[in-house]
Amino acid sequence: MRYFEIYAWTDCPYCVNAKELLISKQEQFVFCCIDQSDILLSFLKEKYDWQTVPMIIEKNTDNCEEKFIGGYTDLSEYFDTQECESD
């Protein structure tokens, strides 16, 4: 099974847009609000070499792989690319 993790701030418009995009695509996802988690945010920034939220990761439970997508714009481009490849 494929699903996405979104690390986000509650009031971030890009974070909300990412969540809404995944809903519109009928994708499974976890939305993790890190408003009060400065240490976790620092860890994630270092782990994924990414400085802003949202941080979006694609997870695959079949093979335990993960792919860092990026932010909202990257997620949108990711789906655009998938649609072009399936045509």
N, C-alpha and C. Protein backbone atom coordinates (compact mmCIF):
# COMPACT_ATOMS: atom_id res chain seq x y z
N MET A 1 0.84 -1.18 0.00
CA MET A 1 0.00 0.00 0.00
C MET A 1 0.89 1.24 0.00
N ARG A 2 0.46 2.23 -0.73
CA ARG A 2 1.15 3.51 -0.77
C ARG A 2 0.37 4.51 0.08
N TYR A 3 1.10 5.31 0.84
CA TYR A 3 0.49 6.43 1.55
C TYR A 3 1.52 7.54 1.69
N PHE A 4 1.06 8.70 2.13
CA PHE A 4 1.92 9.86 2.26
C PHE A 4 1.92 10.35 3.70
N GLU A 5 3.05 10.87 4.14
CA GLU A 5 3.14 11.56 5.42
C GLU A 5 3.36 13.03 5.12
N ILE A 6 2.59 13.89 5.79
CA ILE A 6 2.78 15.33 5.68
C ILE A 6 3.15 15.85 7.06
N TYR A 7 4.31 16.46 7.17
CA TYR A 7 4.69 17.16 8.39
C TYR A 7 4.40 18.63 8.14
N ALA A 8 3.58 19.22 9.02
CA ALA A 8 2.99 20.52 8.69
C ALA A 8 2.75 21.37 9.92
N TRP A 9 2.52 22.66 9.67
CA TRP A 9 1.99 23.57 10.68
C TRP A 9 0.50 23.70 10.41
N THR A 10 -0.27 23.81 11.45
CA THR A 10 -1.72 23.85 11.34
C THR A 10 -2.22 24.95 10.42
N ASP A 11 -1.67 26.15 10.52
CA ASP A 11 -2.18 27.30 9.78
C ASP A 11 -1.41 27.62 8.50
N CYS A 12 -0.54 26.74 8.07
CA CYS A 12 0.25 26.97 6.87
C CYS A 12 -0.60 26.70 5.63
N PRO A 13 -0.79 27.70 4.76
CA PRO A 13 -1.65 27.48 3.58
C PRO A 13 -1.10 26.40 2.64
N TYR A 14 0.21 26.30 2.51
CA TYR A 14 0.77 25.26 1.65
C TYR A 14 0.53 23.87 2.23
N CYS A 15 0.57 23.77 3.55
CA CYS A 15 0.30 22.50 4.22
C CYS A 15 -1.15 22.08 4.00
N VAL A 16 -2.06 23.03 4.16
CA VAL A 16 -3.48 22.76 3.94
C VAL A 16 -3.72 22.38 2.48
N ASN A 17 -3.08 23.08 1.56
CA ASN A 17 -3.23 22.76 0.13
C ASN A 17 -2.73 21.35 -0.18
N ALA A 18 -1.63 20.95 0.45
CA ALA A 18 -1.10 19.60 0.24
C ALA A 18 -2.12 18.56 0.71
N LYS A 19 -2.69 18.79 1.88
CA LYS A 19 -3.70 17.88 2.42
C LYS A 19 -4.91 17.81 1.47
N GLU A 20 -5.36 18.95 1.00
CA GLU A 20 -6.52 18.98 0.10
C GLU A 20 -6.22 18.30 -1.24
N LEU A 21 -4.98 18.45 -1.73
CA LEU A 21 -4.61 17.78 -2.97
C LEU A 21 -4.66 16.27 -2.80
N LEU A 22 -4.14 15.77 -1.68
CA LEU A 22 -4.18 14.33 -1.44
C LEU A 22 -5.61 13.83 -1.29
N ILE A 23 -6.46 14.62 -0.66
CA ILE A 23 -7.88 14.24 -0.56
C ILE A 23 -8.50 14.18 -1.95
N SER A 24 -8.22 15.18 -2.78
CA SER A 24 -8.80 15.20 -4.13
C SER A 24 -8.31 14.04 -4.99
N LYS A 25 -7.11 13.55 -4.72
CA LYS A 25 -6.54 12.42 -5.45
C LYS A 25 -6.94 11.08 -4.82
N GLN A 26 -7.70 11.15 -3.74
CA GLN A 26 -8.15 9.96 -3.00
C GLN A 26 -6.97 9.11 -2.53
N GLU A 27 -5.93 9.80 -2.07
CA GLU A 27 -4.74 9.12 -1.55
C GLU A 27 -4.85 8.95 -0.04
N GLN A 28 -4.22 7.91 0.46
CA GLN A 28 -4.11 7.69 1.90
C GLN A 28 -2.99 8.57 2.42
N PHE A 29 -3.20 9.20 3.59
CA PHE A 29 -2.13 10.03 4.14
C PHE A 29 -2.28 10.21 5.64
N VAL A 30 -1.17 10.61 6.24
CA VAL A 30 -1.11 11.00 7.65
C VAL A 30 -0.71 12.46 7.67
N PHE A 31 -1.45 13.27 8.40
CA PHE A 31 -1.16 14.71 8.50
C PHE A 31 -0.66 14.96 9.92
N CYS A 32 0.62 15.24 10.05
CA CYS A 32 1.25 15.41 11.36
C CYS A 32 1.49 16.89 11.62
N CYS A 33 0.77 17.45 12.58
CA CYS A 33 0.97 18.85 12.96
C CYS A 33 2.15 18.93 13.93
N ILE A 34 3.12 19.73 13.56
CA ILE A 34 4.33 19.84 14.38
C ILE A 34 4.47 21.24 14.96
N ASP A 35 3.34 21.89 15.21
CA ASP A 35 3.33 23.26 15.74
C ASP A 35 4.15 23.39 17.03
N GLN A 36 4.07 22.41 17.89
CA GLN A 36 4.73 22.48 19.19
C GLN A 36 5.93 21.54 19.29
N SER A 37 6.50 21.19 18.15
CA SER A 37 7.56 20.17 18.12
C SER A 37 8.83 20.69 17.45
N ASP A 38 9.45 21.68 18.06
CA ASP A 38 10.64 22.30 17.48
C ASP A 38 11.79 21.30 17.30
N ILE A 39 11.95 20.41 18.26
CA ILE A 39 13.04 19.43 18.17
C ILE A 39 12.78 18.45 17.02
N LEU A 40 11.55 18.00 16.90
CA LEU A 40 11.19 17.11 15.79
C LEU A 40 11.38 17.82 14.46
N LEU A 41 10.96 19.07 14.37
CA LEU A 41 11.14 19.84 13.13
C LEU A 41 12.61 19.93 12.76
N SER A 42 13.46 20.21 13.73
CA SER A 42 14.91 20.29 13.47
C SER A 42 15.44 18.95 12.97
N PHE A 43 14.99 17.87 13.60
CA PHE A 43 15.41 16.53 13.17
C PHE A 43 15.00 16.27 11.72
N LEU A 44 13.75 16.59 11.39
CA LEU A 44 13.24 16.35 10.03
C LEU A 44 13.96 17.22 9.00
N LYS A 45 14.23 18.46 9.35
CA LYS A 45 14.98 19.34 8.44
C LYS A 45 16.34 18.74 8.10
N GLU A 46 17.00 18.21 9.11
CA GLU A 46 18.31 17.61 8.88
C GLU A 46 18.20 16.30 8.12
N LYS A 47 17.26 15.46 8.51
CA LYS A 47 17.10 14.14 7.87
C LYS A 47 16.81 14.27 6.39
N TYR A 48 15.92 15.16 6.02
CA TYR A 48 15.50 15.28 4.63
C TYR A 48 16.17 16.43 3.89
N ASP A 49 17.06 17.16 4.58
CA ASP A 49 17.75 18.31 3.98
C ASP A 49 16.74 19.25 3.35
N TRP A 50 15.74 19.63 4.15
CA TRP A 50 14.62 20.46 3.69
C TRP A 50 14.30 21.46 4.79
N GLN A 51 14.13 22.72 4.46
CA GLN A 51 14.02 23.76 5.48
C GLN A 51 12.62 24.31 5.72
N THR A 52 11.63 23.90 4.93
CA THR A 52 10.30 24.48 5.06
C THR A 52 9.25 23.38 5.24
N VAL A 53 8.08 23.79 5.65
CA VAL A 53 6.93 22.88 5.69
C VAL A 53 5.97 23.29 4.59
N PRO A 54 5.22 22.36 4.07
CA PRO A 54 5.15 20.97 4.48
C PRO A 54 6.36 20.17 3.99
N MET A 55 6.59 19.06 4.69
CA MET A 55 7.53 18.04 4.25
C MET A 55 6.69 16.82 3.93
N ILE A 56 6.75 16.38 2.69
CA ILE A 56 5.87 15.30 2.24
C ILE A 56 6.70 14.11 1.81
N ILE A 57 6.37 12.96 2.39
CA ILE A 57 7.10 11.73 2.12
C ILE A 57 6.11 10.68 1.63
N GLU A 58 6.47 10.01 0.54
CA GLU A 58 5.68 8.88 0.05
C GLU A 58 6.22 7.61 0.71
N LYS A 59 5.32 6.81 1.27
CA LYS A 59 5.71 5.57 1.94
C LYS A 59 5.07 4.39 1.22
N ASN A 60 5.77 3.28 1.19
CA ASN A 60 5.25 2.06 0.58
C ASN A 60 5.37 0.93 1.60
N THR A 61 4.24 0.41 2.05
CA THR A 61 4.26 -0.65 3.05
C THR A 61 4.66 -2.00 2.48
N ASP A 62 4.56 -2.17 1.16
CA ASP A 62 4.91 -3.45 0.55
C ASP A 62 6.41 -3.73 0.61
N ASN A 63 7.20 -2.69 0.40
CA ASN A 63 8.66 -2.89 0.38
C ASN A 63 9.39 -2.01 1.39
N CYS A 64 8.64 -1.33 2.27
CA CYS A 64 9.20 -0.48 3.32
C CYS A 64 10.08 0.65 2.78
N GLU A 65 9.84 1.07 1.55
CA GLU A 65 10.60 2.17 0.97
C GLU A 65 9.89 3.49 1.24
N GLU A 66 10.68 4.55 1.26
CA GLU A 66 10.11 5.88 1.34
C GLU A 66 10.82 6.78 0.35
N LYS A 67 10.07 7.77 -0.14
CA LYS A 67 10.61 8.73 -1.10
C LYS A 67 10.22 10.12 -0.62
N PHE A 68 11.20 10.98 -0.43
CA PHE A 68 10.91 12.35 -0.04
C PHE A 68 10.44 13.10 -1.27
N ILE A 69 9.23 13.67 -1.20
CA ILE A 69 8.65 14.40 -2.33
C ILE A 69 9.07 15.87 -2.29
N GLY A 70 8.96 16.50 -1.13
CA GLY A 70 9.27 17.93 -0.97
C GLY A 70 8.08 18.64 -0.36
N GLY A 71 7.76 19.81 -0.89
CA GLY A 71 6.65 20.62 -0.39
C GLY A 71 5.42 20.48 -1.29
N TYR A 72 4.49 21.41 -1.11
CA TYR A 72 3.23 21.35 -1.85
C TYR A 72 3.45 21.41 -3.37
N THR A 73 4.26 22.35 -3.83
CA THR A 73 4.50 22.49 -5.27
C THR A 73 5.12 21.22 -5.83
N ASP A 74 6.04 20.63 -5.07
CA ASP A 74 6.68 19.39 -5.51
C ASP A 74 5.65 18.25 -5.59
N LEU A 75 4.73 18.20 -4.63
CA LEU A 75 3.69 17.18 -4.64
C LEU A 75 2.79 17.34 -5.87
N SER A 76 2.41 18.57 -6.16
CA SER A 76 1.58 18.84 -7.33
C SER A 76 2.29 18.41 -8.61
N GLU A 77 3.56 18.75 -8.74
CA GLU A 77 4.35 18.35 -9.91
C GLU A 77 4.51 16.84 -9.97
N TYR A 78 4.65 16.20 -8.82
CA TYR A 78 4.77 14.74 -8.75
C TYR A 78 3.54 14.08 -9.36
N PHE A 79 2.35 14.55 -8.99
CA PHE A 79 1.13 13.98 -9.56
C PHE A 79 0.98 14.32 -11.03
N ASP A 80 1.38 15.52 -11.45
CA ASP A 80 1.33 15.88 -12.86
C ASP A 80 2.21 14.94 -13.68
N THR A 81 3.39 14.63 -13.17
CA THR A 81 4.33 13.73 -13.85
C THR A 81 3.75 12.32 -13.95
N GLN A 82 3.13 11.86 -12.86
CA GLN A 82 2.52 10.52 -12.89
C GLN A 82 1.40 10.44 -13.91
N GLU A 83 0.59 11.51 -14.00
CA GLU A 83 -0.49 11.52 -14.97
C GLU A 83 0.02 11.50 -16.39
N CYS A 84 1.12 12.23 -16.65
CA CYS A 84 1.70 12.25 -17.99
C CYS A 84 2.26 10.88 -18.36
N GLU A 85 2.86 10.19 -17.37
CA GLU A 85 3.44 8.87 -17.63
C GLU A 85 2.38 7.82 -17.90
N SER A 86 1.19 8.00 -17.33
CA SER A 86 0.13 7.01 -17.51
C SER A 86 -0.65 7.22 -18.81
N ASP A 87 -0.41 8.34 -19.48
CA ASP A 87 -1.11 8.61 -20.76
C ASP A 87 -0.50 7.84 -21.91
